[in-house]
Amino acid sequence: MGFFATFLFTFLFFTFGVPIALIVAKIFGVYTIVEERTCKVYVLFGKVLGVIQEPGLYILPFKIGPSAFIINFFGKVYTLDMRLDQEYRRSEAVNSEEGAPMGIGIWYEMWISDPVAYLFKNTDPRGSLRANVSNATVRCLSNMPLAEMLETRHTMSQVVRSEVSPQSEQWGYKLGSVYIRKVHFRDGGMIRQIEEKVVNRLRQVTSAIRQAGANQVSVISSSAEREASIEFAKAAAIRPNTLGRALEEIARVPAVSAALFEILELQKLLESHAKLVLLPKNGSGLIGNLLASRAEPGFDGEPPDLPRQRR
């Protein structure tokens, strides 16, 4: 019986008694737990009693004194998130030196560096930092040359960060990295005009490249034609001499010379496609016979009638 009662008492004590005791101790400020990347600020009657930033379990009377027992009743405990945060501002309106309406997208990081200043020096540190980043962007990046605005984003990021950081640190809200992520035109008509100019410029460059290629081809063709003309002229100049030497060698043998010229004559006749009339070597008798045959009686160009055979 005694063992069962002891077991029941122990079970009820550790199941209900210990959690209730820990809750009561926490309400009366005996201890507190600080989680990772958080901070607790204890304020009593408008006075900051202590700030705990390191994570762990703390006995409050050892940290802030006997006031820990009444801090939850008459004071206030602020739990702050100390993690790194970031924000992106889209299309901040600026004007270039040429008067072009531009939009700048700026990304920046921030975190709480001084919890007390963050709580009591500014009622809205995050909103104030946002407004300061926007104002610094417009103030520092306006009236810049358009080419510089489109090319030097890293330099512009450093300018904005150096302008905002000193003021934000006074509020306990530290500015981290700042980066200009996007620079764009805000006027739709200007965007279309720029696109047309780019297209026209590309067409001009393409035409210039084609013309340069055509000119180069013409130069190469002219050079080749000139060299070919020179070689043809040289060949035409030496042709009579070469041909004369060949004919001179052929003329030394009369039979070969006669055969050659006869072949050349026949070749020219065949190439001319002219009608040829071939006559025998003694052609005077043939002409007389032809004339006499046309003079015979009864010959009018038609063949004479043949006698019919009897059946």
C-alpha atoms as a PDB file:
ATOM      1  CA  MET A   1       0.000   0.000   0.000  1.00  0.00           C
ATOM      2  CA  GLY A   2       2.804   2.408   0.861  1.00  0.00           C
ATOM      3  CA  PHE A   3       4.634   1.689  -2.405  1.00  0.00           C
ATOM      4  CA  PHE A   4       1.514   2.375  -4.457  1.00  0.00           C
ATOM      5  CA  ALA A   5       0.872   5.667  -2.625  1.00  0.00           C
ATOM      6  CA  THR A   6       4.477   6.761  -3.143  1.00  0.00           C
ATOM      7  CA  PHE A   7       4.294   5.892  -6.828  1.00  0.00           C
ATOM      8  CA  LEU A   8       1.001   7.766  -7.239  1.00  0.00           C
ATOM      9  CA  PHE A   9       2.325  10.839  -5.429  1.00  0.00           C
ATOM     10  CA  THR A  10       5.522  10.879  -7.502  1.00  0.00           C
ATOM     11  CA  PHE A  11       3.594  10.455 -10.730  1.00  0.00           C
ATOM     12  CA  LEU A  12       1.169  13.278  -9.933  1.00  0.00           C
ATOM     13  CA  PHE A  13       3.967  15.539  -8.706  1.00  0.00           C
ATOM     14  CA  PHE A  14       6.121  15.209 -11.821  1.00  0.00           C
ATOM     15  CA  THR A  15       3.119  15.199 -14.149  1.00  0.00           C
ATOM     16  CA  PHE A  16       1.239  18.175 -12.749  1.00  0.00           C
ATOM     17  CA  GLY A  17       3.245  19.657  -9.923  1.00  0.00           C
ATOM     18  CA  VAL A  18       6.543  20.375 -11.711  1.00  0.00           C
ATOM     19  CA  PRO A  19       4.945  22.050 -14.794  1.00  0.00           C
ATOM     20  CA  ILE A  20       2.706  24.124 -12.520  1.00  0.00           C
ATOM     21  CA  ALA A  21       5.686  25.094 -10.363  1.00  0.00           C
ATOM     22  CA  LEU A  22       7.703  26.129 -13.433  1.00  0.00           C
ATOM     23  CA  ILE A  23       4.810  28.212 -14.731  1.00  0.00           C
ATOM     24  CA  VAL A  24       4.420  29.946 -11.365  1.00  0.00           C
ATOM     25  CA  ALA A  25       8.177  30.547 -11.172  1.00  0.00           C
ATOM     26  CA  LYS A  26       8.184  32.040 -14.665  1.00  0.00           C
ATOM     27  CA  ILE A  27       5.229  34.292 -13.825  1.00  0.00           C
ATOM     28  CA  PHE A  28       6.992  35.604 -10.753  1.00  0.00           C
ATOM     29  CA  GLY A  29      10.190  36.177 -12.729  1.00  0.00           C
ATOM     30  CA  VAL A  30      12.368  33.514 -11.165  1.00  0.00           C
ATOM     31  CA  TYR A  31      13.829  32.430 -14.506  1.00  0.00           C
ATOM     32  CA  THR A  32      13.552  33.076 -18.242  1.00  0.00           C
ATOM     33  CA  ILE A  33      14.617  31.361 -21.440  1.00  0.00           C
ATOM     34  CA  VAL A  34      16.171  33.331 -24.301  1.00  0.00           C
ATOM     35  CA  GLU A  35      16.000  31.592 -27.676  1.00  0.00           C
ATOM     36  CA  GLU A  36      18.533  31.761 -30.492  1.00  0.00           C
ATOM     37  CA  ARG A  37      18.727  35.125 -32.313  1.00  0.00           C
ATOM     38  CA  THR A  38      16.285  36.788 -29.919  1.00  0.00           C
ATOM     39  CA  CYS A  39      16.689  39.466 -27.292  1.00  0.00           C
ATOM     40  CA  LYS A  40      14.702  40.369 -24.168  1.00  0.00           C
ATOM     41  CA  VAL A  41      14.519  43.897 -22.751  1.00  0.00           C
ATOM     42  CA  TYR A  42      13.120  44.382 -19.225  1.00  0.00           C
ATOM     43  CA  VAL A  43      11.528  47.732 -18.457  1.00  0.00           C
ATOM     44  CA  LEU A  44      10.068  48.735 -15.065  1.00  0.00           C
ATOM     45  CA  PHE A  45       8.449  52.121 -14.453  1.00  0.00           C
ATOM     46  CA  GLY A  46      10.029  53.547 -17.615  1.00  0.00           C
ATOM     47  CA  LYS A  47      13.523  52.375 -16.721  1.00  0.00           C
ATOM     48  CA  VAL A  48      15.464  49.691 -18.543  1.00  0.00           C
ATOM     49  CA  LEU A  49      16.570  47.136 -15.959  1.00  0.00           C
ATOM     50  CA  GLY A  50      18.413  44.743 -18.243  1.00  0.00           C
ATOM     51  CA  VAL A  51      18.990  43.418 -21.726  1.00  0.00           C
ATOM     52  CA  ILE A  52      19.663  39.737 -22.397  1.00  0.00           C
ATOM     53  CA  GLN A  53      20.878  38.886 -25.908  1.00  0.00           C
ATOM     54  CA  GLU A  54      22.701  35.578 -25.478  1.00  0.00           C
ATOM     55  CA  PRO A  55      20.558  32.443 -25.778  1.00  0.00           C
ATOM     56  CA  GLY A  56      20.143  30.211 -22.729  1.00  0.00           C
ATOM     57  CA  LEU A  57      18.410  29.755 -19.355  1.00  0.00           C
ATOM     58  CA  TYR A  58      18.780  32.669 -16.906  1.00  0.00           C
ATOM     59  CA  ILE A  59      17.843  33.200 -13.257  1.00  0.00           C
ATOM     60  CA  LEU A  60      16.362  36.689 -13.424  1.00  0.00           C
ATOM     61  CA  PRO A  61      17.147  37.873  -9.847  1.00  0.00           C
ATOM     62  CA  PHE A  62      20.833  37.353 -10.636  1.00  0.00           C
ATOM     63  CA  LYS A  63      20.542  39.393 -13.850  1.00  0.00           C
ATOM     64  CA  ILE A  64      18.269  42.342 -12.953  1.00  0.00           C
ATOM     65  CA  GLY A  65      17.987  42.102  -9.161  1.00  0.00           C
ATOM     66  CA  PRO A  66      14.952  41.707  -6.878  1.00  0.00           C
ATOM     67  CA  SER A  67      12.802  43.633  -9.355  1.00  0.00           C
ATOM     68  CA  ALA A  68      12.546  40.428 -11.343  1.00  0.00           C
ATOM     69  CA  PHE A  69       9.766  39.202  -9.022  1.00  0.00           C
ATOM     70  CA  ILE A  70       7.431  42.064  -9.981  1.00  0.00           C
ATOM     71  CA  ILE A  71       8.614  42.776 -13.537  1.00  0.00           C
ATOM     72  CA  ASN A  72       5.802  40.711 -15.070  1.00  0.00           C
ATOM     73  CA  PHE A  73       3.156  42.533 -13.006  1.00  0.00           C
ATOM     74  CA  PHE A  74       4.254  46.177 -13.049  1.00  0.00           C
ATOM     75  CA  GLY A  75       6.760  46.273 -15.897  1.00  0.00           C
ATOM     76  CA  LYS A  76       7.070  45.053 -19.443  1.00  0.00           C
ATOM     77  CA  VAL A  77       9.232  42.528 -21.251  1.00  0.00           C
ATOM     78  CA  TYR A  78      10.071  43.151 -24.937  1.00  0.00           C
ATOM     79  CA  THR A  79      11.122  40.158 -27.038  1.00  0.00           C
ATOM     80  CA  LEU A  80      12.938  41.294 -30.175  1.00  0.00           C
ATOM     81  CA  ASP A  81      13.861  39.310 -33.262  1.00  0.00           C
ATOM     82  CA  MET A  82      17.593  39.824 -33.940  1.00  0.00           C
ATOM     83  CA  ARG A  83      17.705  37.859 -37.191  1.00  0.00           C
ATOM     84  CA  LEU A  84      18.839  39.366 -40.466  1.00  0.00           C
ATOM     85  CA  ASP A  85      15.978  40.794 -42.514  1.00  0.00           C
ATOM     86  CA  GLN A  86      15.786  42.116 -46.054  1.00  0.00           C
ATOM     87  CA  GLU A  87      13.508  44.215 -48.216  1.00  0.00           C
ATOM     88  CA  TYR A  88      13.208  45.192 -51.865  1.00  0.00           C
ATOM     89  CA  ARG A  89      12.017  48.611 -53.042  1.00  0.00           C
ATOM     90  CA  ARG A  90      10.627  48.493 -56.567  1.00  0.00           C
ATOM     91  CA  SER A  91      10.909  51.225 -59.186  1.00  0.00           C
ATOM     92  CA  GLU A  92      12.069  54.221 -57.176  1.00  0.00           C
ATOM     93  CA  ALA A  93      11.416  57.197 -59.472  1.00  0.00           C
ATOM     94  CA  VAL A  94      14.525  59.175 -60.490  1.00  0.00           C
ATOM     95  CA  ASN A  95      15.468  61.314 -63.495  1.00  0.00           C
ATOM     96  CA  SER A  96      18.668  61.033 -65.462  1.00  0.00           C
ATOM     97  CA  GLU A  97      20.801  63.979 -66.471  1.00  0.00           C
ATOM     98  CA  GLU A  98      19.175  63.895 -69.909  1.00  0.00           C
ATOM     99  CA  GLY A  99      15.696  64.091 -68.346  1.00  0.00           C
ATOM    100  CA  ALA A 100      14.715  60.460 -68.912  1.00  0.00           C
ATOM    101  CA  PRO A 101      12.297  59.110 -66.262  1.00  0.00           C
ATOM    102  CA  MET A 102      14.009  56.065 -64.772  1.00  0.00           C
ATOM    103  CA  GLY A 103      13.002  53.471 -62.195  1.00  0.00           C
ATOM    104  CA  ILE A 104      15.488  51.908 -59.769  1.00  0.00           C
ATOM    105  CA  GLY A 105      14.875  48.694 -57.819  1.00  0.00           C
ATOM    106  CA  ILE A 106      16.982  48.592 -54.641  1.00  0.00           C
ATOM    107  CA  TRP A 107      17.462  45.629 -52.312  1.00  0.00           C
ATOM    108  CA  TYR A 108      18.907  46.010 -48.821  1.00  0.00           C
ATOM    109  CA  GLU A 109      19.470  44.062 -45.579  1.00  0.00           C
ATOM    110  CA  MET A 110      18.976  45.246 -42.005  1.00  0.00           C
ATOM    111  CA  TRP A 111      19.050  43.942 -38.447  1.00  0.00           C
ATOM    112  CA  ILE A 112      18.660  45.262 -34.899  1.00  0.00           C
ATOM    113  CA  SER A 113      22.010  46.386 -33.545  1.00  0.00           C
ATOM    114  CA  ASP A 114      20.904  48.260 -30.383  1.00  0.00           C
ATOM    115  CA  PRO A 115      17.692  46.916 -28.797  1.00  0.00           C
ATOM    116  CA  VAL A 116      17.194  49.895 -26.459  1.00  0.00           C
ATOM    117  CA  ALA A 117      17.593  52.468 -29.227  1.00  0.00           C
ATOM    118  CA  TYR A 118      15.366  50.386 -31.482  1.00  0.00           C
ATOM    119  CA  LEU A 119      12.562  50.440 -28.874  1.00  0.00           C
ATOM    120  CA  PHE A 120      12.717  53.996 -27.581  1.00  0.00           C
ATOM    121  CA  LYS A 121      14.442  56.294 -30.099  1.00  0.00           C
ATOM    122  CA  ASN A 122      12.031  55.713 -32.969  1.00  0.00           C
ATOM    123  CA  THR A 123       8.467  54.470 -32.953  1.00  0.00           C
ATOM    124  CA  ASP A 124       8.813  52.834 -36.390  1.00  0.00           C
ATOM    125  CA  PRO A 125      12.472  52.137 -37.171  1.00  0.00           C
ATOM    126  CA  ARG A 126      11.678  49.838 -40.089  1.00  0.00           C
ATOM    127  CA  GLY A 127       9.403  52.366 -41.775  1.00  0.00           C
ATOM    128  CA  SER A 128      11.922  55.154 -41.148  1.00  0.00           C
ATOM    129  CA  LEU A 129      14.715  53.058 -42.657  1.00  0.00           C
ATOM    130  CA  ARG A 130      12.535  52.317 -45.669  1.00  0.00           C
ATOM    131  CA  ALA A 131      11.815  56.008 -46.158  1.00  0.00           C
ATOM    132  CA  ASN A 132      15.496  56.918 -45.745  1.00  0.00           C
ATOM    133  CA  VAL A 133      16.579  54.344 -48.327  1.00  0.00           C
ATOM    134  CA  SER A 134      13.977  55.661 -50.766  1.00  0.00           C
ATOM    135  CA  ASN A 135      14.939  59.294 -50.172  1.00  0.00           C
ATOM    136  CA  ALA A 136      18.662  58.551 -50.407  1.00  0.00           C
ATOM    137  CA  THR A 137      18.118  56.713 -53.682  1.00  0.00           C
ATOM    138  CA  VAL A 138      16.222  59.619 -55.207  1.00  0.00           C
ATOM    139  CA  ARG A 139      18.553  62.264 -53.783  1.00  0.00           C
ATOM    140  CA  CYS A 140      21.877  60.604 -54.623  1.00  0.00           C
ATOM    141  CA  LEU A 141      21.060  58.947 -57.950  1.00  0.00           C
ATOM    142  CA  SER A 142      19.046  61.692 -59.650  1.00  0.00           C
ATOM    143  CA  ASN A 143      20.653  63.770 -62.419  1.00  0.00           C
ATOM    144  CA  MET A 144      23.226  61.085 -63.192  1.00  0.00           C
ATOM    145  CA  PRO A 145      24.229  60.525 -66.823  1.00  0.00           C
ATOM    146  CA  LEU A 146      22.072  57.844 -68.372  1.00  0.00           C
ATOM    147  CA  ALA A 147      25.021  55.712 -69.485  1.00  0.00           C
ATOM    148  CA  GLU A 148      26.560  55.832 -66.008  1.00  0.00           C
ATOM    149  CA  MET A 149      23.215  55.003 -64.401  1.00  0.00           C
ATOM    150  CA  LEU A 150      22.863  51.899 -66.579  1.00  0.00           C
ATOM    151  CA  GLU A 151      26.430  50.658 -66.097  1.00  0.00           C
ATOM    152  CA  THR A 152      27.640  51.528 -62.557  1.00  0.00           C
ATOM    153  CA  ARG A 153      25.132  49.806 -60.282  1.00  0.00           C
ATOM    154  CA  HIS A 154      27.798  48.740 -57.788  1.00  0.00           C
ATOM    155  CA  THR A 155      28.983  52.316 -57.318  1.00  0.00           C
ATOM    156  CA  MET A 156      25.409  53.546 -56.894  1.00  0.00           C
ATOM    157  CA  SER A 157      24.798  50.856 -54.257  1.00  0.00           C
ATOM    158  CA  GLN A 158      27.790  52.055 -52.248  1.00  0.00           C
ATOM    159  CA  VAL A 159      26.622  55.669 -52.475  1.00  0.00           C
ATOM    160  CA  VAL A 160      23.172  54.818 -51.084  1.00  0.00           C
ATOM    161  CA  ARG A 161      24.611  52.670 -48.274  1.00  0.00           C
ATOM    162  CA  SER A 162      27.039  55.352 -47.136  1.00  0.00           C
ATOM    163  CA  GLU A 163      24.211  57.888 -47.118  1.00  0.00           C
ATOM    164  CA  VAL A 164      21.744  55.820 -45.061  1.00  0.00           C
ATOM    165  CA  SER A 165      23.965  53.880 -42.613  1.00  0.00           C
ATOM    166  CA  PRO A 166      24.939  56.667 -40.117  1.00  0.00           C
ATOM    167  CA  GLN A 167      21.359  57.777 -39.604  1.00  0.00           C
ATOM    168  CA  SER A 168      19.911  54.276 -39.289  1.00  0.00           C
ATOM    169  CA  GLU A 169      22.483  53.289 -36.634  1.00  0.00           C
ATOM    170  CA  GLN A 170      21.186  56.036 -34.350  1.00  0.00           C
ATOM    171  CA  TRP A 171      17.854  54.218 -34.206  1.00  0.00           C
ATOM    172  CA  GLY A 172      19.447  50.856 -33.404  1.00  0.00           C
ATOM    173  CA  TYR A 173      18.571  49.486 -36.826  1.00  0.00           C
ATOM    174  CA  LYS A 174      21.739  48.761 -38.811  1.00  0.00           C
ATOM    175  CA  LEU A 175      21.784  48.710 -42.592  1.00  0.00           C
ATOM    176  CA  GLY A 176      23.621  45.800 -44.193  1.00  0.00           C
ATOM    177  CA  SER A 177      24.284  45.137 -47.848  1.00  0.00           C
ATOM    178  CA  VAL A 178      22.659  47.412 -50.415  1.00  0.00           C
ATOM    179  CA  TYR A 179      22.383  46.434 -54.054  1.00  0.00           C
ATOM    180  CA  ILE A 180      20.809  48.140 -57.054  1.00  0.00           C
ATOM    181  CA  ARG A 181      19.158  45.197 -58.760  1.00  0.00           C
ATOM    182  CA  LYS A 182      17.312  46.862 -61.635  1.00  0.00           C
ATOM    183  CA  VAL A 183      17.457  50.108 -63.611  1.00  0.00           C
ATOM    184  CA  HIS A 184      14.694  50.536 -66.159  1.00  0.00           C
ATOM    185  CA  PHE A 185      12.725  53.132 -68.126  1.00  0.00           C
ATOM    186  CA  ARG A 186       9.329  54.089 -66.716  1.00  0.00           C
ATOM    187  CA  ASP A 187       7.861  55.756 -69.830  1.00  0.00           C
ATOM    188  CA  GLY A 188       6.283  53.315 -72.291  1.00  0.00           C
ATOM    189  CA  GLY A 189       6.629  55.717 -75.220  1.00  0.00           C
ATOM    190  CA  MET A 190      10.337  56.160 -74.534  1.00  0.00           C
ATOM    191  CA  ILE A 191      10.797  52.405 -74.350  1.00  0.00           C
ATOM    192  CA  ARG A 192       9.202  52.022 -77.791  1.00  0.00           C
ATOM    193  CA  GLN A 193      11.363  54.825 -79.211  1.00  0.00           C
ATOM    194  CA  ILE A 194      14.507  53.196 -77.841  1.00  0.00           C
ATOM    195  CA  GLU A 195      13.452  49.854 -79.300  1.00  0.00           C
ATOM    196  CA  GLU A 196      12.914  51.494 -82.702  1.00  0.00           C
ATOM    197  CA  LYS A 197      16.321  53.181 -82.508  1.00  0.00           C
ATOM    198  CA  VAL A 198      17.977  49.912 -81.570  1.00  0.00           C
ATOM    199  CA  VAL A 199      16.250  48.100 -84.443  1.00  0.00           C
ATOM    200  CA  ASN A 200      17.237  50.839 -86.907  1.00  0.00           C
ATOM    201  CA  ARG A 201      20.792  50.790 -85.631  1.00  0.00           C
ATOM    202  CA  LEU A 202      20.942  47.019 -86.039  1.00  0.00           C
ATOM    203  CA  ARG A 203      19.649  47.371 -89.577  1.00  0.00           C
ATOM    204  CA  GLN A 204      22.282  49.999 -90.336  1.00  0.00           C
ATOM    205  CA  VAL A 205      25.026  47.815 -88.890  1.00  0.00           C
ATOM    206  CA  THR A 206      23.751  44.816 -90.850  1.00  0.00           C
ATOM    207  CA  SER A 207      23.653  46.845 -94.073  1.00  0.00           C
ATOM    208  CA  ALA A 208      27.138  48.181 -93.412  1.00  0.00           C
ATOM    209  CA  ILE A 209      28.445  44.656 -92.844  1.00  0.00           C
ATOM    210  CA  ARG A 210      26.797  43.427 -96.034  1.00  0.00           C
ATOM    211  CA  GLN A 211      28.154  46.384 -98.029  1.00  0.00           C
ATOM    212  CA  ALA A 212      31.627  45.858 -96.615  1.00  0.00           C
ATOM    213  CA  GLY A 213      31.432  42.170 -97.591  1.00  0.00           C
ATOM    214  CA  ALA A 214      30.220  43.049-101.080  1.00  0.00           C
ATOM    215  CA  ASN A 215      33.021  45.589-101.451  1.00  0.00           C
ATOM    216  CA  GLN A 216      35.560  43.043-100.318  1.00  0.00           C
ATOM    217  CA  VAL A 217      34.203  40.489-102.785  1.00  0.00           C
ATOM    218  CA  SER A 218      34.329  43.120-105.550  1.00  0.00           C
ATOM    219  CA  VAL A 219      37.929  43.945-104.694  1.00  0.00           C
ATOM    220  CA  ILE A 220      38.870  40.274-104.756  1.00  0.00           C
ATOM    221  CA  SER A 221      36.995  39.713-108.028  1.00  0.00           C
ATOM    222  CA  SER A 222      38.587  42.775-109.619  1.00  0.00           C
ATOM    223  CA  SER A 223      42.037  41.639-108.531  1.00  0.00           C
ATOM    224  CA  ALA A 224      41.404  38.151-109.910  1.00  0.00           C
ATOM    225  CA  GLU A 225      40.066  39.556-113.196  1.00  0.00           C
ATOM    226  CA  ARG A 226      43.036  41.912-113.493  1.00  0.00           C
ATOM    227  CA  GLU A 227      45.522  39.096-112.937  1.00  0.00           C
ATOM    228  CA  ALA A 228      43.638  36.897-115.404  1.00  0.00           C
ATOM    229  CA  SER A 229      43.635  39.702-117.990  1.00  0.00           C
ATOM    230  CA  ILE A 230      47.372  40.136-117.566  1.00  0.00           C
ATOM    231  CA  GLU A 231      47.957  36.425-118.061  1.00  0.00           C
ATOM    232  CA  PHE A 232      45.645  36.311-121.097  1.00  0.00           C
ATOM    233  CA  ALA A 233      47.440  39.313-122.588  1.00  0.00           C
ATOM    234  CA  LYS A 234      50.776  37.589-122.069  1.00  0.00           C
ATOM    235  CA  ALA A 235      49.407  34.463-123.729  1.00  0.00           C
ATOM    236  CA  ALA A 236      48.020  36.480-126.666  1.00  0.00           C
ATOM    237  CA  ALA A 237      51.390  38.210-127.030  1.00  0.00           C
ATOM    238  CA  ILE A 238      53.405  35.000-127.220  1.00  0.00           C
ATOM    239  CA  ARG A 239      50.807  33.059-129.295  1.00  0.00           C
ATOM    240  CA  PRO A 240      51.974  34.280-132.769  1.00  0.00           C
ATOM    241  CA  ASN A 241      55.585  33.494-131.964  1.00  0.00           C
ATOM    242  CA  THR A 242      54.729  30.033-130.643  1.00  0.00           C
ATOM    243  CA  LEU A 243      52.397  29.319-133.560  1.00  0.00           C
ATOM    244  CA  GLY A 244      54.946  30.585-136.061  1.00  0.00           C
ATOM    245  CA  ARG A 245      57.634  28.292-134.689  1.00  0.00           C
ATOM    246  CA  ALA A 246      55.267  25.319-134.820  1.00  0.00           C
ATOM    247  CA  LEU A 247      54.293  26.084-138.451  1.00  0.00           C
ATOM    248  CA  GLU A 248      57.932  26.565-139.331  1.00  0.00           C
ATOM    249  CA  GLU A 249      58.768  23.112-138.017  1.00  0.00           C
ATOM    250  CA  ILE A 250      55.766  21.611-139.863  1.00  0.00           C
ATOM    251  CA  ALA A 251      56.666  23.342-143.150  1.00  0.00           C
ATOM    252  CA  ARG A 252      60.021  21.580-143.186  1.00  0.00           C
ATOM    253  CA  VAL A 253      58.161  18.414-144.246  1.00  0.00           C
ATOM    254  CA  PRO A 254      55.898  19.276-147.264  1.00  0.00           C
ATOM    255  CA  ALA A 255      53.741  16.160-146.992  1.00  0.00           C
ATOM    256  CA  VAL A 256      52.926  16.827-143.344  1.00  0.00           C
ATOM    257  CA  SER A 257      52.258  20.482-144.069  1.00  0.00           C
ATOM    258  CA  ALA A 258      49.846  19.670-146.941  1.00  0.00           C
ATOM    259  CA  ALA A 259      47.998  17.082-144.841  1.00  0.00           C
ATOM    260  CA  LEU A 260      47.711  19.490-141.924  1.00  0.00           C
ATOM    261  CA  PHE A 261      46.239  22.319-143.993  1.00  0.00           C
ATOM    262  CA  GLU A 262      43.850  19.935-145.738  1.00  0.00           C
ATOM    263  CA  ILE A 263      42.621  18.641-142.375  1.00  0.00           C
ATOM    264  CA  LEU A 264      42.184  22.166-141.070  1.00  0.00           C
ATOM    265  CA  GLU A 265      40.218  23.134-144.184  1.00  0.00           C
ATOM    266  CA  LEU A 266      37.919  20.147-143.867  1.00  0.00           C
ATOM    267  CA  GLN A 267      37.432  20.838-140.159  1.00  0.00           C
ATOM    268  CA  LYS A 268      36.406  24.436-140.866  1.00  0.00           C
ATOM    269  CA  LEU A 269      33.994  23.304-143.563  1.00  0.00           C
ATOM    270  CA  LEU A 270      32.366  20.807-141.231  1.00  0.00           C
ATOM    271  CA  GLU A 271      32.075  23.347-138.435  1.00  0.00           C
ATOM    272  CA  SER A 272      30.394  25.894-140.749  1.00  0.00           C
ATOM    273  CA  HIS A 273      27.348  23.570-141.439  1.00  0.00           C
ATOM    274  CA  ALA A 274      27.266  24.849-145.052  1.00  0.00           C
ATOM    275  CA  LYS A 275      25.715  22.927-148.012  1.00  0.00           C
ATOM    276  CA  LEU A 276      28.355  21.232-150.161  1.00  0.00           C
ATOM    277  CA  VAL A 277      28.115  20.405-153.871  1.00  0.00           C
ATOM    278  CA  LEU A 278      30.574  17.669-154.797  1.00  0.00           C
ATOM    279  CA  LEU A 279      31.718  17.502-158.410  1.00  0.00           C
ATOM    280  CA  PRO A 280      33.960  14.931-160.060  1.00  0.00           C
ATOM    281  CA  LYS A 281      37.414  15.897-161.042  1.00  0.00           C
ATOM    282  CA  ASN A 282      36.510  16.179-164.788  1.00  0.00           C
ATOM    283  CA  GLY A 283      33.148  17.829-164.304  1.00  0.00           C
ATOM    284  CA  SER A 284      32.757  19.578-167.741  1.00  0.00           C
ATOM    285  CA  GLY A 285      31.147  16.508-169.411  1.00  0.00           C
ATOM    286  CA  LEU A 286      28.692  16.098-166.534  1.00  0.00           C
ATOM    287  CA  ILE A 287      27.405  19.649-166.893  1.00  0.00           C
ATOM    288  CA  GLY A 288      26.862  19.194-170.655  1.00  0.00           C
ATOM    289  CA  ASN A 289      24.947  15.966-170.175  1.00  0.00           C
ATOM    290  CA  LEU A 290      22.685  17.601-167.597  1.00  0.00           C
ATOM    291  CA  LEU A 291      21.925  20.467-169.969  1.00  0.00           C
ATOM    292  CA  ALA A 292      21.248  18.085-172.854  1.00  0.00           C
ATOM    293  CA  SER A 293      18.879  15.943-170.795  1.00  0.00           C
ATOM    294  CA  ARG A 294      16.696  18.958-170.018  1.00  0.00           C
ATOM    295  CA  ALA A 295      16.535  19.791-173.773  1.00  0.00           C
ATOM    296  CA  GLU A 296      15.027  16.346-174.845  1.00  0.00           C
ATOM    297  CA  PRO A 297      11.424  16.538-176.247  1.00  0.00           C
ATOM    298  CA  GLY A 298       8.687  15.397-173.982  1.00  0.00           C
ATOM    299  CA  PHE A 299      10.736  15.992-170.876  1.00  0.00           C
ATOM    300  CA  ASP A 300       9.031  18.567-168.720  1.00  0.00           C
ATOM    301  CA  GLY A 301      10.431  17.526-165.438  1.00  0.00           C
ATOM    302  CA  GLU A 302       8.021  14.620-165.024  1.00  0.00           C
ATOM    303  CA  PRO A 303       8.954  10.969-165.711  1.00  0.00           C
ATOM    304  CA  PRO A 304       7.587   9.635-169.064  1.00  0.00           C
ATOM    305  CA  ASP A 305       4.557   7.382-169.073  1.00  0.00           C
ATOM    306  CA  LEU A 306       5.470   3.738-169.218  1.00  0.00           C
ATOM    307  CA  PRO A 307       3.540   1.404-171.592  1.00  0.00           C
ATOM    308  CA  ARG A 308       0.903  -0.642-169.962  1.00  0.00           C
ATOM    309  CA  GLN A 309       1.365  -4.368-170.108  1.00  0.00           C
ATOM    310  CA  ARG A 310      -1.356  -6.548-171.550  1.00  0.00           C
ATOM    311  CA  ARG A 311      -2.868  -9.190-169.460  1.00  0.00           C
END
